Amino acid sequence: MANRLQLEWDLRDHGWADCRIADGAAKATLFVSYCTDGLADLLSGVGGLYGATNRLERFFFDSEPMEVRWVLRREGADVAIAIYEFPDVAISLDLPDSEGHLAWTATKPLGELAHVVLATAQQVLKEHGEDGYMTKWIRYPYPVAALQDLRRLHLQHDQCELPHDMTLPLA
């Protein structure tokens, strides 16, 4: 499908990652610093959308000095995704979303978003392992618990027919 959500998380040395998000309509590259636990926040943010059908999840990545703010608004079976950039995380945390630059937006089914985030996080673990992740990310360990929670929620609530890597840690 040309409009299918794509997400990549590439660890670079010394606490930096490139997060690329795209679909058929738009794409964005986000830079993530180890000052925030970005991958864990992404997994937990998507996991937090399960439950009530009208939920809102917000989290941010520190991009030193920028803030990259994710706003996920569940609307029934779909999620409106908006990613905003602010020039300075030190002063932007209290600013409304409208004060930021809208870097990327889309509306996707929750199951598709969860599957793509889960697959991306599993690929990072497969590529680096927990020790390799810690070596590159430095400040935070690989978010095994957040991965397990999102996988459990996704498999329990979504009727996803895509393949799932069940060889990775699951409690």
N, C-alpha and C. Protein backbone atom coordinates (compact mmCIF):
# COMPACT_ATOMS: atom_id res chain seq x y z
N MET A 1 0.84 -1.19 0.00
CA MET A 1 0.00 0.00 0.00
C MET A 1 0.88 1.25 0.00
N ALA A 2 0.60 2.16 -0.89
CA ALA A 2 1.40 3.37 -1.02
C ALA A 2 1.25 4.29 0.19
N ASN A 3 0.16 4.21 0.89
CA ASN A 3 -0.10 5.10 2.03
C ASN A 3 0.26 4.48 3.37
N ARG A 4 0.90 3.32 3.35
CA ARG A 4 1.23 2.59 4.57
C ARG A 4 2.26 3.34 5.39
N LEU A 5 2.07 3.34 6.67
CA LEU A 5 2.97 4.02 7.60
C LEU A 5 4.32 3.32 7.64
N GLN A 6 5.39 4.11 7.64
CA GLN A 6 6.75 3.58 7.73
C GLN A 6 7.45 4.33 8.86
N LEU A 7 8.26 3.61 9.63
CA LEU A 7 9.00 4.20 10.73
C LEU A 7 10.35 3.52 10.82
N GLU A 8 11.39 4.31 10.96
CA GLU A 8 12.74 3.78 11.15
C GLU A 8 13.36 4.49 12.36
N TRP A 9 14.14 3.73 13.13
CA TRP A 9 14.85 4.26 14.29
C TRP A 9 16.30 3.80 14.16
N ASP A 10 17.17 4.71 13.78
CA ASP A 10 18.57 4.38 13.57
C ASP A 10 19.42 4.98 14.67
N LEU A 11 20.03 4.11 15.47
CA LEU A 11 20.94 4.58 16.52
C LEU A 11 22.24 5.04 15.89
N ARG A 12 22.68 6.20 16.35
CA ARG A 12 24.01 6.68 15.97
C ARG A 12 24.86 6.60 17.24
N ASP A 13 26.13 6.84 17.11
CA ASP A 13 26.99 6.78 18.29
C ASP A 13 26.72 7.92 19.26
N HIS A 14 27.01 7.68 20.52
CA HIS A 14 27.02 8.69 21.57
C HIS A 14 25.65 9.33 21.83
N GLY A 15 24.61 8.53 21.89
CA GLY A 15 23.34 9.02 22.38
C GLY A 15 22.48 9.78 21.39
N TRP A 16 22.57 9.48 20.13
CA TRP A 16 21.72 10.11 19.12
C TRP A 16 21.04 9.05 18.27
N ALA A 17 19.82 9.36 17.83
CA ALA A 17 19.10 8.49 16.91
C ALA A 17 18.42 9.35 15.85
N ASP A 18 18.26 8.77 14.68
CA ASP A 18 17.45 9.37 13.63
C ASP A 18 16.14 8.59 13.60
N CYS A 19 15.04 9.31 13.71
CA CYS A 19 13.71 8.71 13.62
C CYS A 19 13.08 9.24 12.34
N ARG A 20 12.82 8.33 11.40
CA ARG A 20 12.20 8.71 10.14
C ARG A 20 10.78 8.14 10.11
N ILE A 21 9.84 9.02 9.80
CA ILE A 21 8.45 8.61 9.70
C ILE A 21 7.91 9.08 8.35
N ALA A 22 7.11 8.22 7.73
CA ALA A 22 6.60 8.55 6.40
C ALA A 22 5.35 7.74 6.09
N ASP A 23 4.60 8.27 5.17
CA ASP A 23 3.54 7.52 4.50
C ASP A 23 3.53 8.04 3.07
N GLY A 24 2.55 7.70 2.30
CA GLY A 24 2.52 8.13 0.91
C GLY A 24 2.40 9.63 0.73
N ALA A 25 1.93 10.33 1.75
CA ALA A 25 1.66 11.76 1.63
C ALA A 25 2.81 12.64 2.11
N ALA A 26 3.55 12.22 3.12
CA ALA A 26 4.57 13.09 3.71
C ALA A 26 5.62 12.26 4.43
N LYS A 27 6.77 12.90 4.70
CA LYS A 27 7.82 12.24 5.48
C LYS A 27 8.54 13.29 6.31
N ALA A 28 9.17 12.81 7.39
CA ALA A 28 9.95 13.70 8.26
C ALA A 28 11.08 12.89 8.87
N THR A 29 12.20 13.58 9.11
CA THR A 29 13.31 13.00 9.85
C THR A 29 13.45 13.79 11.13
N LEU A 30 13.41 13.07 12.24
CA LEU A 30 13.48 13.67 13.57
C LEU A 30 14.77 13.23 14.23
N PHE A 31 15.44 14.14 14.89
CA PHE A 31 16.68 13.83 15.58
C PHE A 31 16.38 13.70 17.06
N VAL A 32 16.85 12.64 17.67
CA VAL A 32 16.52 12.31 19.05
C VAL A 32 17.79 12.19 19.86
N SER A 33 17.83 12.88 20.99
CA SER A 33 18.96 12.84 21.90
C SER A 33 18.66 11.92 23.07
N TYR A 34 19.70 11.37 23.65
CA TYR A 34 19.55 10.50 24.81
C TYR A 34 19.13 11.25 26.06
N CYS A 35 18.95 12.56 25.98
CA CYS A 35 18.46 13.32 27.14
C CYS A 35 17.03 12.93 27.50
N THR A 36 16.31 12.34 26.55
CA THR A 36 15.01 11.75 26.84
C THR A 36 15.07 10.28 26.41
N ASP A 37 14.22 9.48 27.00
CA ASP A 37 14.18 8.05 26.68
C ASP A 37 13.22 7.85 25.51
N GLY A 38 13.63 8.34 24.34
CA GLY A 38 12.76 8.45 23.18
C GLY A 38 12.05 7.19 22.75
N LEU A 39 12.77 6.09 22.61
CA LEU A 39 12.13 4.87 22.14
C LEU A 39 11.12 4.35 23.16
N ALA A 40 11.45 4.43 24.42
CA ALA A 40 10.50 4.02 25.47
C ALA A 40 9.27 4.92 25.47
N ASP A 41 9.47 6.22 25.29
CA ASP A 41 8.34 7.15 25.26
C ASP A 41 7.43 6.87 24.07
N LEU A 42 8.02 6.54 22.93
CA LEU A 42 7.22 6.21 21.75
C LEU A 42 6.40 4.95 21.99
N LEU A 43 7.03 3.89 22.50
CA LEU A 43 6.31 2.65 22.78
C LEU A 43 5.20 2.87 23.82
N SER A 44 5.51 3.58 24.88
CA SER A 44 4.53 3.83 25.95
C SER A 44 3.40 4.74 25.48
N GLY A 45 3.75 5.73 24.68
CA GLY A 45 2.73 6.64 24.16
C GLY A 45 1.70 5.92 23.31
N VAL A 46 2.17 5.05 22.43
CA VAL A 46 1.24 4.29 21.58
C VAL A 46 0.46 3.29 22.45
N GLY A 47 1.13 2.64 23.38
CA GLY A 47 0.44 1.72 24.28
C GLY A 47 -0.63 2.40 25.10
N GLY A 48 -0.41 3.65 25.46
CA GLY A 48 -1.39 4.39 26.25
C GLY A 48 -2.68 4.71 25.52
N LEU A 49 -2.70 4.51 24.22
CA LEU A 49 -3.90 4.78 23.44
C LEU A 49 -4.95 3.68 23.57
N TYR A 50 -4.55 2.52 24.07
CA TYR A 50 -5.50 1.43 24.23
C TYR A 50 -6.37 1.70 25.45
N GLY A 51 -7.60 1.27 25.39
CA GLY A 51 -8.55 1.52 26.47
C GLY A 51 -9.69 2.36 25.93
N ALA A 52 -9.85 3.55 26.45
CA ALA A 52 -10.92 4.45 26.01
C ALA A 52 -10.69 4.84 24.54
N THR A 53 -11.78 5.07 23.82
CA THR A 53 -11.66 5.38 22.40
C THR A 53 -11.30 6.83 22.12
N ASN A 54 -11.34 7.69 23.10
CA ASN A 54 -10.96 9.09 22.90
C ASN A 54 -9.87 9.46 23.89
N ARG A 55 -8.67 8.99 23.61
CA ARG A 55 -7.52 9.23 24.49
C ARG A 55 -6.55 10.17 23.81
N LEU A 56 -5.78 10.84 24.62
CA LEU A 56 -4.74 11.74 24.12
C LEU A 56 -3.43 11.38 24.80
N GLU A 57 -2.39 11.18 24.03
CA GLU A 57 -1.06 10.89 24.56
C GLU A 57 -0.09 11.93 23.99
N ARG A 58 0.73 12.49 24.88
CA ARG A 58 1.76 13.46 24.47
C ARG A 58 3.08 13.03 25.06
N PHE A 59 4.14 13.17 24.27
CA PHE A 59 5.49 12.96 24.77
C PHE A 59 6.42 13.74 23.86
N PHE A 60 7.66 13.90 24.30
CA PHE A 60 8.57 14.67 23.46
C PHE A 60 9.95 14.04 23.44
N PHE A 61 10.66 14.36 22.38
CA PHE A 61 12.07 14.00 22.24
C PHE A 61 12.87 15.28 22.41
N ASP A 62 13.94 15.21 23.15
CA ASP A 62 14.88 16.31 23.23
C ASP A 62 15.83 16.17 22.05
N SER A 63 15.93 17.24 21.27
CA SER A 63 16.83 17.24 20.11
C SER A 63 17.98 18.22 20.29
N GLU A 64 18.17 18.65 21.50
CA GLU A 64 19.30 19.52 21.87
C GLU A 64 19.65 20.56 20.82
N PRO A 65 19.09 21.69 20.79
CA PRO A 65 18.23 22.29 21.80
C PRO A 65 16.74 22.16 21.49
N MET A 66 16.40 21.62 20.33
CA MET A 66 14.99 21.57 19.92
C MET A 66 14.17 20.58 20.73
N GLU A 67 12.86 20.80 20.72
CA GLU A 67 11.89 19.83 21.24
C GLU A 67 11.12 19.29 20.05
N VAL A 68 10.94 17.97 20.01
CA VAL A 68 10.08 17.33 19.03
C VAL A 68 8.92 16.73 19.82
N ARG A 69 7.75 17.30 19.67
CA ARG A 69 6.58 16.90 20.46
C ARG A 69 5.62 16.06 19.62
N TRP A 70 5.30 14.89 20.15
CA TRP A 70 4.31 14.00 19.52
C TRP A 70 2.97 14.20 20.23
N VAL A 71 1.91 14.34 19.46
CA VAL A 71 0.56 14.41 20.00
C VAL A 71 -0.24 13.33 19.28
N LEU A 72 -0.68 12.35 20.04
CA LEU A 72 -1.45 11.22 19.50
C LEU A 72 -2.86 11.31 20.07
N ARG A 73 -3.83 11.49 19.19
CA ARG A 73 -5.22 11.62 19.63
C ARG A 73 -6.03 10.48 19.02
N ARG A 74 -6.50 9.60 19.90
CA ARG A 74 -7.30 8.47 19.41
C ARG A 74 -8.70 8.97 19.12
N GLU A 75 -9.17 8.61 17.93
CA GLU A 75 -10.52 8.98 17.48
C GLU A 75 -11.18 7.71 16.98
N GLY A 76 -11.84 6.99 17.89
CA GLY A 76 -12.44 5.70 17.54
C GLY A 76 -11.33 4.70 17.28
N ALA A 77 -11.33 4.10 16.09
CA ALA A 77 -10.31 3.10 15.75
C ALA A 77 -9.05 3.74 15.16
N ASP A 78 -9.08 5.05 14.93
CA ASP A 78 -7.96 5.75 14.31
C ASP A 78 -7.19 6.60 15.31
N VAL A 79 -6.00 7.00 14.89
CA VAL A 79 -5.16 7.89 15.69
C VAL A 79 -4.72 9.05 14.81
N ALA A 80 -5.03 10.26 15.25
CA ALA A 80 -4.51 11.45 14.59
C ALA A 80 -3.12 11.70 15.18
N ILE A 81 -2.12 11.68 14.33
CA ILE A 81 -0.72 11.85 14.74
C ILE A 81 -0.27 13.23 14.29
N ALA A 82 0.24 14.02 15.22
CA ALA A 82 0.81 15.33 14.88
C ALA A 82 2.16 15.43 15.57
N ILE A 83 3.17 15.82 14.82
CA ILE A 83 4.52 15.97 15.37
C ILE A 83 4.93 17.43 15.16
N TYR A 84 5.23 18.09 16.27
CA TYR A 84 5.59 19.50 16.24
C TYR A 84 7.05 19.67 16.63
N GLU A 85 7.69 20.68 16.05
CA GLU A 85 9.06 21.03 16.42
C GLU A 85 9.06 22.43 17.03
N PHE A 86 9.82 22.56 18.10
CA PHE A 86 10.00 23.84 18.78
C PHE A 86 11.49 24.12 18.83
N PRO A 87 11.88 25.38 18.71
CA PRO A 87 13.31 25.69 18.61
C PRO A 87 14.13 25.44 19.87
N ASP A 88 13.50 25.47 21.05
CA ASP A 88 14.28 25.34 22.28
C ASP A 88 13.46 24.63 23.35
N VAL A 89 13.87 23.42 23.70
CA VAL A 89 13.14 22.63 24.70
C VAL A 89 13.10 23.31 26.07
N ALA A 90 14.08 24.15 26.35
CA ALA A 90 14.13 24.82 27.66
C ALA A 90 12.96 25.80 27.85
N ILE A 91 12.41 26.32 26.76
CA ILE A 91 11.31 27.28 26.91
C ILE A 91 10.01 26.79 26.29
N SER A 92 10.03 25.68 25.57
CA SER A 92 8.84 25.26 24.82
C SER A 92 7.93 24.30 25.57
N LEU A 93 8.38 23.71 26.66
CA LEU A 93 7.58 22.67 27.32
C LEU A 93 6.21 23.16 27.75
N ASP A 94 6.09 24.43 28.08
CA ASP A 94 4.81 24.98 28.51
C ASP A 94 4.02 25.63 27.38
N LEU A 95 4.57 25.64 26.19
CA LEU A 95 3.88 26.26 25.06
C LEU A 95 2.83 25.33 24.48
N PRO A 96 1.72 25.89 23.98
CA PRO A 96 0.71 25.05 23.32
C PRO A 96 1.25 24.51 22.00
N ASP A 97 0.66 23.42 21.54
CA ASP A 97 1.09 22.80 20.29
C ASP A 97 1.10 23.81 19.14
N SER A 98 0.12 24.69 19.12
CA SER A 98 -0.03 25.65 18.03
C SER A 98 1.17 26.59 17.89
N GLU A 99 2.01 26.70 18.92
CA GLU A 99 3.21 27.54 18.85
C GLU A 99 4.37 26.85 18.14
N GLY A 100 4.23 25.54 17.90
CA GLY A 100 5.29 24.80 17.23
C GLY A 100 5.08 24.71 15.74
N HIS A 101 6.11 24.26 15.05
CA HIS A 101 6.04 24.01 13.61
C HIS A 101 5.55 22.59 13.41
N LEU A 102 4.46 22.43 12.66
CA LEU A 102 3.93 21.09 12.38
C LEU A 102 4.85 20.41 11.37
N ALA A 103 5.62 19.43 11.85
CA ALA A 103 6.61 18.75 11.01
C ALA A 103 6.02 17.57 10.24
N TRP A 104 4.98 16.92 10.81
CA TRP A 104 4.39 15.76 10.15
C TRP A 104 3.04 15.49 10.77
N THR A 105 2.10 15.08 9.95
CA THR A 105 0.78 14.73 10.45
C THR A 105 0.14 13.67 9.57
N ALA A 106 -0.65 12.83 10.18
CA ALA A 106 -1.40 11.80 9.45
C ALA A 106 -2.43 11.21 10.41
N THR A 107 -3.39 10.54 9.85
CA THR A 107 -4.34 9.76 10.64
C THR A 107 -4.24 8.32 10.17
N LYS A 108 -4.01 7.43 11.12
CA LYS A 108 -3.81 6.01 10.82
C LYS A 108 -4.62 5.17 11.79
N PRO A 109 -4.99 3.95 11.39
CA PRO A 109 -5.62 3.04 12.34
C PRO A 109 -4.67 2.73 13.49
N LEU A 110 -5.21 2.62 14.69
CA LEU A 110 -4.39 2.32 15.86
C LEU A 110 -3.59 1.03 15.66
N GLY A 111 -4.20 0.01 15.11
CA GLY A 111 -3.51 -1.26 14.89
C GLY A 111 -2.30 -1.12 13.98
N GLU A 112 -2.43 -0.30 12.94
CA GLU A 112 -1.31 -0.08 12.03
C GLU A 112 -0.19 0.68 12.73
N LEU A 113 -0.54 1.74 13.46
CA LEU A 113 0.47 2.50 14.20
C LEU A 113 1.18 1.61 15.20
N ALA A 114 0.43 0.85 15.98
CA ALA A 114 1.03 -0.02 16.99
C ALA A 114 1.95 -1.05 16.34
N HIS A 115 1.51 -1.65 15.25
CA HIS A 115 2.32 -2.67 14.59
C HIS A 115 3.63 -2.08 14.08
N VAL A 116 3.57 -0.91 13.46
CA VAL A 116 4.77 -0.30 12.90
C VAL A 116 5.74 0.11 14.00
N VAL A 117 5.25 0.70 15.09
CA VAL A 117 6.11 1.09 16.20
C VAL A 117 6.73 -0.16 16.84
N LEU A 118 5.93 -1.17 17.03
CA LEU A 118 6.42 -2.43 17.61
C LEU A 118 7.49 -3.06 16.72
N ALA A 119 7.23 -3.15 15.43
CA ALA A 119 8.19 -3.76 14.51
C ALA A 119 9.50 -2.96 14.48
N THR A 120 9.39 -1.65 14.54
CA THR A 120 10.59 -0.80 14.53
C THR A 120 11.41 -1.03 15.79
N ALA A 121 10.76 -1.05 16.94
CA ALA A 121 11.48 -1.27 18.20
C ALA A 121 12.10 -2.66 18.24
N GLN A 122 11.39 -3.66 17.73
CA GLN A 122 11.93 -5.02 17.68
C GLN A 122 13.15 -5.09 16.76
N GLN A 123 13.12 -4.34 15.66
CA GLN A 123 14.26 -4.31 14.74
C GLN A 123 15.49 -3.70 15.42
N VAL A 124 15.28 -2.66 16.20
CA VAL A 124 16.39 -2.03 16.94
C VAL A 124 17.00 -3.06 17.90
N LEU A 125 16.15 -3.80 18.61
CA LEU A 125 16.64 -4.81 19.55
C LEU A 125 17.37 -5.93 18.81
N LYS A 126 16.81 -6.36 17.70
CA LYS A 126 17.44 -7.44 16.93
C LYS A 126 18.81 -7.00 16.39
N GLU A 127 18.89 -5.76 15.95
CA GLU A 127 20.13 -5.25 15.37
C GLU A 127 21.22 -5.01 16.41
N HIS A 128 20.86 -4.48 17.58
CA HIS A 128 21.85 -4.06 18.56
C HIS A 128 21.91 -4.92 19.82
N GLY A 129 20.83 -5.61 20.16
CA GLY A 129 20.75 -6.31 21.44
C GLY A 129 20.66 -5.30 22.57
N GLU A 130 20.36 -5.78 23.76
CA GLU A 130 20.24 -4.86 24.90
C GLU A 130 21.57 -4.19 25.24
N ASP A 131 22.65 -4.95 25.21
CA ASP A 131 23.96 -4.38 25.53
C ASP A 131 24.41 -3.37 24.49
N GLY A 132 24.23 -3.70 23.22
CA GLY A 132 24.61 -2.78 22.16
C GLY A 132 23.79 -1.50 22.18
N TYR A 133 22.51 -1.64 22.52
CA TYR A 133 21.65 -0.46 22.64
C TYR A 133 22.17 0.46 23.75
N MET A 134 22.48 -0.12 24.89
CA MET A 134 22.97 0.68 26.02
C MET A 134 24.30 1.35 25.67
N THR A 135 25.15 0.65 24.95
CA THR A 135 26.43 1.22 24.55
C THR A 135 26.22 2.45 23.67
N LYS A 136 25.26 2.38 22.75
CA LYS A 136 25.03 3.51 21.85
C LYS A 136 24.15 4.58 22.46
N TRP A 137 23.12 4.19 23.23
CA TRP A 137 22.16 5.17 23.76
C TRP A 137 22.67 5.79 25.07
N ILE A 138 23.50 5.11 25.77
CA ILE A 138 24.26 5.58 26.93
C ILE A 138 23.44 5.77 28.20
N ARG A 139 22.40 6.56 28.18
CA ARG A 139 21.72 6.96 29.41
C ARG A 139 20.60 6.02 29.84
N TYR A 140 19.94 5.39 28.90
CA TYR A 140 18.78 4.55 29.22
C TYR A 140 18.96 3.16 28.60
N PRO A 141 18.53 2.11 29.31
CA PRO A 141 18.59 0.76 28.73
C PRO A 141 17.49 0.59 27.68
N TYR A 142 17.62 -0.48 26.91
CA TYR A 142 16.58 -0.79 25.93
C TYR A 142 15.25 -0.98 26.68
N PRO A 143 14.15 -0.41 26.17
CA PRO A 143 12.86 -0.45 26.89
C PRO A 143 12.10 -1.77 26.72
N VAL A 144 12.63 -2.83 27.32
CA VAL A 144 12.01 -4.16 27.19
C VAL A 144 10.58 -4.16 27.71
N ALA A 145 10.33 -3.57 28.87
CA ALA A 145 8.97 -3.59 29.45
C ALA A 145 7.98 -2.87 28.56
N ALA A 146 8.36 -1.73 28.00
CA ALA A 146 7.46 -0.98 27.11
C ALA A 146 7.19 -1.77 25.83
N LEU A 147 8.20 -2.46 25.32
CA LEU A 147 8.04 -3.33 24.15
C LEU A 147 7.05 -4.45 24.46
N GLN A 148 7.23 -5.09 25.60
CA GLN A 148 6.35 -6.18 26.00
C GLN A 148 4.91 -5.71 26.18
N ASP A 149 4.74 -4.54 26.80
CA ASP A 149 3.39 -4.01 27.01
C ASP A 149 2.69 -3.72 25.69
N LEU A 150 3.39 -3.04 24.78
CA LEU A 150 2.77 -2.71 23.50
C LEU A 150 2.46 -3.98 22.70
N ARG A 151 3.37 -4.94 22.71
CA ARG A 151 3.10 -6.19 21.98
C ARG A 151 1.87 -6.89 22.55
N ARG A 152 1.78 -6.97 23.87
CA ARG A 152 0.62 -7.61 24.51
C ARG A 152 -0.68 -6.90 24.11
N LEU A 153 -0.69 -5.58 24.19
CA LEU A 153 -1.89 -4.81 23.85
C LEU A 153 -2.26 -4.96 22.37
N HIS A 154 -1.26 -4.89 21.52
CA HIS A 154 -1.49 -5.01 20.08
C HIS A 154 -2.07 -6.38 19.73
N LEU A 155 -1.48 -7.43 20.25
CA LEU A 155 -1.95 -8.78 19.93
C LEU A 155 -3.32 -9.06 20.56
N GLN A 156 -3.59 -8.45 21.70
CA GLN A 156 -4.87 -8.66 22.39
C GLN A 156 -6.02 -7.90 21.73
N HIS A 157 -5.76 -6.68 21.26
CA HIS A 157 -6.84 -5.81 20.80
C HIS A 157 -6.97 -5.65 19.29
N ASP A 158 -5.89 -5.84 18.57
CA ASP A 158 -5.92 -5.61 17.12
C ASP A 158 -5.97 -6.95 16.40
N GLN A 159 -6.69 -6.99 15.36
CA GLN A 159 -6.76 -8.21 14.56
C GLN A 159 -5.76 -8.07 13.42
N CYS A 160 -4.51 -8.05 13.81
CA CYS A 160 -3.42 -7.81 12.86
C CYS A 160 -3.01 -9.13 12.23
N GLU A 161 -3.02 -9.16 10.92
CA GLU A 161 -2.64 -10.37 10.20
C GLU A 161 -1.21 -10.32 9.70
N LEU A 162 -0.49 -9.26 10.04
CA LEU A 162 0.92 -9.14 9.64
C LEU A 162 1.77 -10.01 10.53
N PRO A 163 2.96 -10.39 10.07
CA PRO A 163 3.84 -11.23 10.91
C PRO A 163 4.37 -10.47 12.12
N HIS A 164 4.58 -11.18 13.20
CA HIS A 164 5.12 -10.63 14.44
C HIS A 164 6.33 -11.47 14.84
N ASP A 165 7.40 -10.80 15.23
CA ASP A 165 8.63 -11.51 15.64
C ASP A 165 8.46 -11.95 17.09
N MET A 166 8.11 -13.19 17.26
CA MET A 166 7.86 -13.71 18.60
C MET A 166 9.11 -14.28 19.24
N THR A 167 10.27 -14.14 18.60
CA THR A 167 11.51 -14.63 19.18
C THR A 167 12.14 -13.63 20.13
N LEU A 168 11.62 -12.41 20.15
CA LEU A 168 12.17 -11.37 21.02
C LEU A 168 11.47 -11.42 22.37
N PRO A 169 12.06 -10.82 23.39
CA PRO A 169 11.57 -10.96 24.77
C PRO A 169 10.08 -10.65 24.93
N LEU A 170 9.39 -11.54 25.60
CA LEU A 170 7.99 -11.33 25.96
C LEU A 170 7.78 -12.00 27.31
N ALA A 171 7.35 -11.23 28.25
CA ALA A 171 7.16 -11.77 29.60
C ALA A 171 5.94 -12.67 29.67
